[in-house]
Protein backbone atom coordinates (compact mmCIF):
# COMPACT_ATOMS: atom_id res chain seq x y z
CA UNK A 1 0.00 0.00 0.00
CA UNK A 2 1.41 3.38 -0.97
CA UNK A 3 1.44 6.69 0.86
CA UNK A 4 -1.68 7.92 -0.97
CA UNK A 5 -3.61 4.80 0.04
CA UNK A 6 -2.49 5.19 3.69
CA UNK A 7 -3.67 8.80 3.75
CA UNK A 8 -6.95 7.89 2.04
CA UNK A 9 -7.58 5.08 4.55
CA UNK A 10 -6.84 7.41 7.47
CA UNK A 11 -9.19 10.08 6.16
CA UNK A 12 -11.93 7.53 5.51
CA UNK A 13 -11.58 6.24 9.07
CA UNK A 14 -11.68 9.79 10.45
CA UNK A 15 -14.90 10.50 8.56
CA UNK A 16 -16.49 7.26 9.79
CA UNK A 17 -15.45 8.09 13.35
CA UNK A 18 -17.03 11.55 13.11
CA UNK A 19 -20.24 9.99 11.80
CA UNK A 20 -20.27 7.64 14.79
CA UNK A 21 -19.77 4.53 12.66
CA UNK A 22 -16.31 3.73 13.99
CA UNK A 23 -15.01 3.55 17.55
CA UNK A 24 -11.65 5.05 18.39
CA UNK A 25 -8.94 2.73 19.65
CA UNK A 26 -8.04 3.48 23.25
CA UNK A 27 -5.40 2.21 25.61
CA UNK A 28 -5.85 2.24 29.37
CA UNK A 29 -2.79 2.52 31.55
CA UNK A 30 -2.42 1.96 35.25
CA UNK A 31 0.39 3.83 36.95
CA UNK A 32 1.55 2.64 40.35
CA UNK A 33 1.51 5.27 43.08
CA UNK A 34 4.82 6.78 44.15
CA UNK A 35 6.27 4.88 47.11
CA UNK A 36 7.08 6.67 50.35
CA UNK A 37 10.35 5.75 52.03
CA UNK A 38 11.44 5.91 55.65
CA UNK A 39 14.96 7.02 56.58
CA UNK A 40 15.85 3.41 57.46
CA UNK A 41 14.61 2.19 54.07
CA UNK A 42 16.61 4.83 52.22
CA UNK A 43 19.78 3.95 54.08
CA UNK A 44 19.12 0.26 53.43
CA UNK A 45 18.66 0.89 49.71
CA UNK A 46 21.91 2.86 49.59
CA UNK A 47 23.80 0.19 51.52
CA UNK A 48 22.40 -2.56 49.26
CA UNK A 49 24.08 -0.82 46.32
CA UNK A 50 27.39 -0.64 48.15
CA UNK A 51 27.60 3.10 47.53
CA UNK A 52 28.78 5.76 49.96
CA UNK A 53 26.55 8.76 50.63
CA UNK A 54 28.73 10.79 48.26
CA UNK A 55 28.39 8.31 45.38
CA UNK A 56 24.72 7.66 46.12
CA UNK A 57 24.06 11.42 45.97
CA UNK A 58 25.75 11.60 42.56
CA UNK A 59 23.71 8.61 41.39
CA UNK A 60 20.46 10.18 42.61
CA UNK A 61 21.35 13.59 41.18
CA UNK A 62 21.12 15.34 44.56
CA UNK A 63 23.57 16.82 47.04
CA UNK A 64 25.27 14.84 49.78
CA UNK A 65 23.40 17.04 52.30
CA UNK A 66 20.13 15.88 50.76
CA UNK A 67 21.03 12.20 51.17
CA UNK A 68 22.15 12.90 54.75
CA UNK A 69 18.83 14.66 55.43
CA UNK A 70 16.84 11.77 53.94
CA UNK A 71 18.68 9.21 56.05
CA UNK A 72 18.31 11.34 59.18
CA UNK A 73 14.59 11.93 58.57
CA UNK A 74 14.97 15.72 58.31
CA UNK A 75 13.77 15.71 54.72
CA UNK A 76 11.95 13.25 52.46
CA UNK A 77 12.43 12.41 48.79
CA UNK A 78 9.53 12.86 46.42
CA UNK A 79 8.60 12.44 42.78
CA UNK A 80 11.36 11.17 40.51
CA UNK A 81 13.69 10.50 43.45
CA UNK A 82 11.15 8.06 44.89
CA UNK A 83 10.76 6.33 41.52
CA UNK A 84 14.55 5.93 41.31
CA UNK A 85 14.65 4.64 44.89
CA UNK A 86 11.95 2.09 43.99
CA UNK A 87 13.91 0.87 40.98
CA UNK A 88 17.04 0.59 43.10
CA UNK A 89 15.23 -1.17 45.94
CA UNK A 90 13.87 -3.73 43.48
CA UNK A 91 17.30 -4.22 41.87
CA UNK A 92 20.36 -3.04 43.83
CA UNK A 93 22.43 -3.52 40.67
CA UNK A 94 20.23 -1.02 38.79
CA UNK A 95 22.74 1.86 39.07
CA UNK A 96 25.22 -0.26 37.11
CA UNK A 97 22.90 -2.21 34.80
CA UNK A 98 21.16 1.02 33.77
CA UNK A 99 24.48 2.57 32.82
CA UNK A 100 24.18 5.43 35.31
CA UNK A 101 27.26 4.15 37.13
CA UNK A 102 30.11 2.49 35.26
CA UNK A 103 32.57 0.19 36.95
C-alpha atoms as a PDB file:
ATOM      1  CA  UNK A   1       0.000   0.000   0.000  1.00  0.00           C
ATOM      2  CA  UNK A   2       1.408   3.376  -0.971  1.00  0.00           C
ATOM      3  CA  UNK A   3       1.436   6.686   0.856  1.00  0.00           C
ATOM      4  CA  UNK A   4      -1.678   7.917  -0.967  1.00  0.00           C
ATOM      5  CA  UNK A   5      -3.608   4.799   0.036  1.00  0.00           C
ATOM      6  CA  UNK A   6      -2.492   5.189   3.691  1.00  0.00           C
ATOM      7  CA  UNK A   7      -3.666   8.799   3.754  1.00  0.00           C
ATOM      8  CA  UNK A   8      -6.952   7.894   2.044  1.00  0.00           C
ATOM      9  CA  UNK A   9      -7.585   5.085   4.551  1.00  0.00           C
ATOM     10  CA  UNK A  10      -6.844   7.411   7.470  1.00  0.00           C
ATOM     11  CA  UNK A  11      -9.193  10.082   6.164  1.00  0.00           C
ATOM     12  CA  UNK A  12     -11.931   7.528   5.512  1.00  0.00           C
ATOM     13  CA  UNK A  13     -11.580   6.236   9.075  1.00  0.00           C
ATOM     14  CA  UNK A  14     -11.681   9.793  10.453  1.00  0.00           C
ATOM     15  CA  UNK A  15     -14.901  10.500   8.563  1.00  0.00           C
ATOM     16  CA  UNK A  16     -16.487   7.261   9.785  1.00  0.00           C
ATOM     17  CA  UNK A  17     -15.446   8.092  13.348  1.00  0.00           C
ATOM     18  CA  UNK A  18     -17.034  11.554  13.113  1.00  0.00           C
ATOM     19  CA  UNK A  19     -20.245   9.989  11.802  1.00  0.00           C
ATOM     20  CA  UNK A  20     -20.268   7.635  14.794  1.00  0.00           C
ATOM     21  CA  UNK A  21     -19.771   4.532  12.660  1.00  0.00           C
ATOM     22  CA  UNK A  22     -16.307   3.729  13.989  1.00  0.00           C
ATOM     23  CA  UNK A  23     -15.011   3.553  17.548  1.00  0.00           C
ATOM     24  CA  UNK A  24     -11.647   5.047  18.391  1.00  0.00           C
ATOM     25  CA  UNK A  25      -8.944   2.730  19.648  1.00  0.00           C
ATOM     26  CA  UNK A  26      -8.037   3.482  23.248  1.00  0.00           C
ATOM     27  CA  UNK A  27      -5.404   2.212  25.614  1.00  0.00           C
ATOM     28  CA  UNK A  28      -5.846   2.242  29.367  1.00  0.00           C
ATOM     29  CA  UNK A  29      -2.788   2.519  31.551  1.00  0.00           C
ATOM     30  CA  UNK A  30      -2.417   1.959  35.251  1.00  0.00           C
ATOM     31  CA  UNK A  31       0.394   3.834  36.953  1.00  0.00           C
ATOM     32  CA  UNK A  32       1.548   2.641  40.351  1.00  0.00           C
ATOM     33  CA  UNK A  33       1.509   5.268  43.084  1.00  0.00           C
ATOM     34  CA  UNK A  34       4.821   6.776  44.147  1.00  0.00           C
ATOM     35  CA  UNK A  35       6.266   4.877  47.105  1.00  0.00           C
ATOM     36  CA  UNK A  36       7.078   6.675  50.348  1.00  0.00           C
ATOM     37  CA  UNK A  37      10.355   5.749  52.030  1.00  0.00           C
ATOM     38  CA  UNK A  38      11.439   5.905  55.654  1.00  0.00           C
ATOM     39  CA  UNK A  39      14.961   7.019  56.583  1.00  0.00           C
ATOM     40  CA  UNK A  40      15.848   3.413  57.461  1.00  0.00           C
ATOM     41  CA  UNK A  41      14.615   2.186  54.073  1.00  0.00           C
ATOM     42  CA  UNK A  42      16.611   4.835  52.222  1.00  0.00           C
ATOM     43  CA  UNK A  43      19.784   3.954  54.082  1.00  0.00           C
ATOM     44  CA  UNK A  44      19.117   0.265  53.427  1.00  0.00           C
ATOM     45  CA  UNK A  45      18.664   0.888  49.712  1.00  0.00           C
ATOM     46  CA  UNK A  46      21.906   2.862  49.591  1.00  0.00           C
ATOM     47  CA  UNK A  47      23.803   0.188  51.515  1.00  0.00           C
ATOM     48  CA  UNK A  48      22.399  -2.563  49.260  1.00  0.00           C
ATOM     49  CA  UNK A  49      24.078  -0.821  46.320  1.00  0.00           C
ATOM     50  CA  UNK A  50      27.389  -0.644  48.145  1.00  0.00           C
ATOM     51  CA  UNK A  51      27.600   3.102  47.527  1.00  0.00           C
ATOM     52  CA  UNK A  52      28.776   5.758  49.964  1.00  0.00           C
ATOM     53  CA  UNK A  53      26.546   8.757  50.628  1.00  0.00           C
ATOM     54  CA  UNK A  54      28.732  10.792  48.257  1.00  0.00           C
ATOM     55  CA  UNK A  55      28.391   8.314  45.376  1.00  0.00           C
ATOM     56  CA  UNK A  56      24.718   7.661  46.117  1.00  0.00           C
ATOM     57  CA  UNK A  57      24.063  11.416  45.972  1.00  0.00           C
ATOM     58  CA  UNK A  58      25.746  11.604  42.556  1.00  0.00           C
ATOM     59  CA  UNK A  59      23.715   8.607  41.389  1.00  0.00           C
ATOM     60  CA  UNK A  60      20.460  10.183  42.607  1.00  0.00           C
ATOM     61  CA  UNK A  61      21.354  13.594  41.183  1.00  0.00           C
ATOM     62  CA  UNK A  62      21.125  15.343  44.557  1.00  0.00           C
ATOM     63  CA  UNK A  63      23.571  16.824  47.035  1.00  0.00           C
ATOM     64  CA  UNK A  64      25.265  14.835  49.780  1.00  0.00           C
ATOM     65  CA  UNK A  65      23.405  17.039  52.295  1.00  0.00           C
ATOM     66  CA  UNK A  66      20.130  15.879  50.758  1.00  0.00           C
ATOM     67  CA  UNK A  67      21.031  12.196  51.165  1.00  0.00           C
ATOM     68  CA  UNK A  68      22.152  12.900  54.746  1.00  0.00           C
ATOM     69  CA  UNK A  69      18.826  14.661  55.434  1.00  0.00           C
ATOM     70  CA  UNK A  70      16.841  11.765  53.936  1.00  0.00           C
ATOM     71  CA  UNK A  71      18.685   9.212  56.049  1.00  0.00           C
ATOM     72  CA  UNK A  72      18.313  11.341  59.178  1.00  0.00           C
ATOM     73  CA  UNK A  73      14.593  11.932  58.571  1.00  0.00           C
ATOM     74  CA  UNK A  74      14.970  15.723  58.314  1.00  0.00           C
ATOM     75  CA  UNK A  75      13.769  15.708  54.720  1.00  0.00           C
ATOM     76  CA  UNK A  76      11.950  13.250  52.459  1.00  0.00           C
ATOM     77  CA  UNK A  77      12.428  12.409  48.786  1.00  0.00           C
ATOM     78  CA  UNK A  78       9.531  12.862  46.418  1.00  0.00           C
ATOM     79  CA  UNK A  79       8.599  12.439  42.780  1.00  0.00           C
ATOM     80  CA  UNK A  80      11.358  11.169  40.515  1.00  0.00           C
ATOM     81  CA  UNK A  81      13.694  10.500  43.450  1.00  0.00           C
ATOM     82  CA  UNK A  82      11.147   8.059  44.893  1.00  0.00           C
ATOM     83  CA  UNK A  83      10.761   6.334  41.519  1.00  0.00           C
ATOM     84  CA  UNK A  84      14.550   5.929  41.312  1.00  0.00           C
ATOM     85  CA  UNK A  85      14.652   4.643  44.888  1.00  0.00           C
ATOM     86  CA  UNK A  86      11.951   2.094  43.988  1.00  0.00           C
ATOM     87  CA  UNK A  87      13.908   0.865  40.979  1.00  0.00           C
ATOM     88  CA  UNK A  88      17.043   0.595  43.096  1.00  0.00           C
ATOM     89  CA  UNK A  89      15.231  -1.171  45.936  1.00  0.00           C
ATOM     90  CA  UNK A  90      13.874  -3.730  43.483  1.00  0.00           C
ATOM     91  CA  UNK A  91      17.300  -4.216  41.871  1.00  0.00           C
ATOM     92  CA  UNK A  92      20.355  -3.040  43.831  1.00  0.00           C
ATOM     93  CA  UNK A  93      22.432  -3.516  40.668  1.00  0.00           C
ATOM     94  CA  UNK A  94      20.234  -1.021  38.794  1.00  0.00           C
ATOM     95  CA  UNK A  95      22.738   1.863  39.067  1.00  0.00           C
ATOM     96  CA  UNK A  96      25.219  -0.265  37.110  1.00  0.00           C
ATOM     97  CA  UNK A  97      22.899  -2.207  34.804  1.00  0.00           C
ATOM     98  CA  UNK A  98      21.155   1.022  33.774  1.00  0.00           C
ATOM     99  CA  UNK A  99      24.479   2.567  32.824  1.00  0.00           C
ATOM    100  CA  UNK A 100      24.176   5.433  35.308  1.00  0.00           C
ATOM    101  CA  UNK A 101      27.262   4.153  37.131  1.00  0.00           C
ATOM    102  CA  UNK A 102      30.106   2.489  35.261  1.00  0.00           C
ATOM    103  CA  UNK A 103      32.575   0.194  36.950  1.00  0.00           C
END
